[in-house]
Structure formats: C-alpha cells, structure tokens
C-alpha cells in the first residue's frame, strides 16, 4: 500500500490542477470563440492590434471592419479580440457626464462649433 500512496497523491494533484486551471481556461476560450463567431454586421469590435471598429460585412471567416468614416479593413475573425457591448450612453459625453472635450482641464475655453476661425487657429498653433 505504501508504494501506491505517491501515485495516489500525484493523481490527486493532477486532478486538482485540471479542475482549477485547465478546465476554466478551456471554458473561457470556448466562450470567446462563440462570441467571435456570433459577431455580425453592426457590432462594434476591438482588434488584436488595438483598433476599434464596426463590422460592415461578413463573409465566412472574413469580416470587413470600418475603423473610421470611409476607411475599411479586411480581416479574419481571429483578428477580433472582443465584441464590445452596445453604447447606450449619450454620445459626446465623457465619464463625468459632461459633454465636450478636455478644454476645461487645460484651463482653456473651447471654441464654439460654428466659430471655424477659432478652430483653425487652435489647430495651427498646435493646442
């Protein structure tokens, strides 16, 4: 019986490792794969390269993603890191719930959207 004890302990340790480490990792991997397979037209995604975009066309394992207005990239589904949840918040608001940019943080006043000359001046000056 004493010869079987080390084997029993080894089997028990391997069983615990499987239950605590390998099985949860496989489940996460399967969940990710099903999420990527379910991604469709109109879904916002994050690519492996860190680029945010919206799927505009799917074709089997390939997707076409719009990363900026009028700019699309063609990629495989494996290049998708995450499918982002729909954005239900009001657009143009930051985390504090305030609309607009960060001009207040810099101690500057943000120009009116209709004041094109002021906007051009800020761009030229680099601020």
Protein backbone atom coordinates (compact mmCIF):
# COMPACT_ATOMS: atom_id res chain seq x y z
CA UNK A 1 0.00 0.00 0.00
CA UNK A 2 2.89 2.37 0.71
CA UNK A 3 4.06 2.09 -2.95
CA UNK A 4 0.68 3.27 -4.23
CA UNK A 5 0.49 6.33 -1.96
CA UNK A 6 2.82 8.58 -4.03
CA UNK A 7 0.92 7.66 -7.19
CA UNK A 8 -2.36 8.45 -5.48
CA UNK A 9 -1.05 11.83 -4.30
CA UNK A 10 0.26 12.62 -7.80
CA UNK A 11 -3.07 11.68 -9.36
CA UNK A 12 -4.90 13.84 -6.82
CA UNK A 13 -2.62 16.86 -7.51
CA UNK A 14 -3.06 16.47 -11.27
CA UNK A 15 -6.83 16.23 -10.82
CA UNK A 16 -6.91 19.41 -8.74
CA UNK A 17 -4.74 21.23 -11.31
CA UNK A 18 -7.09 20.16 -14.09
CA UNK A 19 -10.18 21.33 -12.25
CA UNK A 20 -8.69 24.64 -11.08
CA UNK A 21 -6.61 25.68 -14.11
CA UNK A 22 -7.16 23.82 -17.36
CA UNK A 23 -10.93 23.49 -17.33
CA UNK A 24 -11.69 27.21 -16.66
CA UNK A 25 -9.19 28.23 -19.38
CA UNK A 26 -10.91 25.96 -21.90
CA UNK A 27 -14.29 27.38 -20.94
CA UNK A 28 -13.04 30.97 -21.44
CA UNK A 29 -11.56 30.01 -24.79
CA UNK A 30 -14.83 28.40 -25.92
CA UNK A 31 -16.83 31.45 -24.76
CA UNK A 32 -14.50 33.76 -26.71
CA UNK A 33 -14.78 31.62 -29.84
CA UNK A 34 -18.58 31.58 -29.68
CA UNK A 35 -18.65 35.35 -29.14
CA UNK A 36 -16.40 35.91 -32.17
CA UNK A 37 -18.46 33.51 -34.32
CA UNK A 38 -21.64 35.34 -33.30
CA UNK A 39 -20.24 38.78 -34.22
CA UNK A 40 -22.22 40.22 -37.10
CA UNK A 41 -22.84 43.32 -39.15
CA UNK A 42 -23.17 46.41 -36.97
CA UNK A 43 -21.26 45.02 -33.99
CA UNK A 44 -18.50 47.20 -32.50
CA UNK A 45 -15.27 45.27 -32.05
CA UNK A 46 -11.71 45.59 -30.79
CA UNK A 47 -9.00 44.03 -32.96
CA UNK A 48 -5.83 42.27 -31.80
CA UNK A 49 -3.93 45.38 -32.91
CA UNK A 50 -5.95 47.60 -30.56
CA UNK A 51 -8.09 49.20 -33.29
CA UNK A 52 -11.77 49.84 -32.62
CA UNK A 53 -14.20 49.40 -35.49
CA UNK A 54 -17.63 48.33 -36.66
CA UNK A 55 -18.29 45.22 -38.74
CA UNK A 56 -19.89 46.26 -42.01
CA UNK A 57 -19.74 42.96 -43.92
CA UNK A 58 -19.11 39.31 -43.14
CA UNK A 59 -18.12 36.51 -45.48
CA UNK A 60 -17.47 33.20 -43.74
CA UNK A 61 -14.34 33.60 -41.64
CA UNK A 62 -13.58 37.05 -43.10
CA UNK A 63 -15.00 40.38 -41.97
CA UNK A 64 -14.80 43.91 -43.27
CA UNK A 65 -14.43 46.46 -40.49
CA UNK A 66 -14.94 50.22 -40.72
CA UNK A 67 -12.33 51.85 -38.49
CA UNK A 68 -13.12 55.45 -39.49
CA UNK A 69 -15.75 57.01 -41.74
CA UNK A 70 -14.97 55.71 -45.22
CA UNK A 71 -11.95 53.62 -44.13
CA UNK A 72 -12.37 49.86 -44.01
CA UNK A 73 -10.04 46.94 -43.39
CA UNK A 74 -10.46 43.32 -44.42
CA UNK A 75 -9.51 40.80 -41.74
CA UNK A 76 -10.23 37.33 -40.39
CA UNK A 77 -12.45 36.73 -37.39
CA UNK A 78 -9.39 35.50 -35.48
CA UNK A 79 -8.16 39.11 -35.50
CA UNK A 80 -11.07 40.12 -33.27
CA UNK A 81 -10.13 40.40 -29.62
CA UNK A 82 -13.51 41.43 -28.23
CA UNK A 83 -17.03 42.27 -29.29
CA UNK A 84 -17.94 45.45 -27.46
CA UNK A 85 -21.32 45.94 -25.79
CA UNK A 86 -23.71 48.38 -27.45
CA UNK A 87 -23.15 52.00 -26.39
CA UNK A 88 -26.42 53.12 -24.76
CA UNK A 89 -24.92 56.27 -23.21
CA UNK A 90 -25.42 59.68 -24.75
CA UNK A 91 -22.73 60.22 -27.35
CA UNK A 92 -20.29 63.05 -26.79
CA UNK A 93 -20.28 62.74 -23.02
CA UNK A 94 -17.21 61.83 -21.03
CA UNK A 95 -17.07 59.72 -17.90
CA UNK A 96 -18.23 62.66 -15.75
CA UNK A 97 -21.37 63.03 -17.85
CA UNK A 98 -20.19 66.34 -19.26
CA UNK A 99 -20.30 66.95 -22.97
CA UNK A 100 -17.30 68.26 -24.85
CA UNK A 101 -13.57 67.84 -24.84
CA UNK A 102 -10.94 68.44 -22.22
CA UNK A 103 -10.50 72.18 -22.73
CA UNK A 104 -11.61 72.81 -19.14
CA UNK A 105 -8.81 70.59 -17.86
CA UNK A 106 -6.24 72.70 -19.71
CA UNK A 107 -7.68 75.99 -18.47
CA UNK A 108 -8.80 76.96 -21.96
CA UNK A 109 -12.22 77.76 -23.24
CA UNK A 110 -13.49 75.51 -26.00
CA UNK A 111 -14.45 77.47 -29.14
CA UNK A 112 -17.98 77.30 -30.46
CA UNK A 113 -18.54 74.70 -33.16
CA UNK A 114 -19.68 77.45 -35.52
CA UNK A 115 -16.53 79.52 -34.95
CA UNK A 116 -14.39 77.94 -37.69
CA UNK A 117 -11.68 80.62 -37.50
CA UNK A 118 -11.08 79.88 -33.81
CA UNK A 119 -10.91 76.16 -34.54
CA UNK A 120 -8.39 76.69 -37.35
CA UNK A 121 -6.29 78.92 -35.10
CA UNK A 122 -6.14 76.24 -32.39
CA UNK A 123 -5.09 73.60 -34.92
CA UNK A 124 -2.38 75.80 -36.43
CA UNK A 125 -0.98 76.75 -33.04
CA UNK A 126 -0.94 73.07 -32.08
CA UNK A 127 -3.06 73.41 -28.97
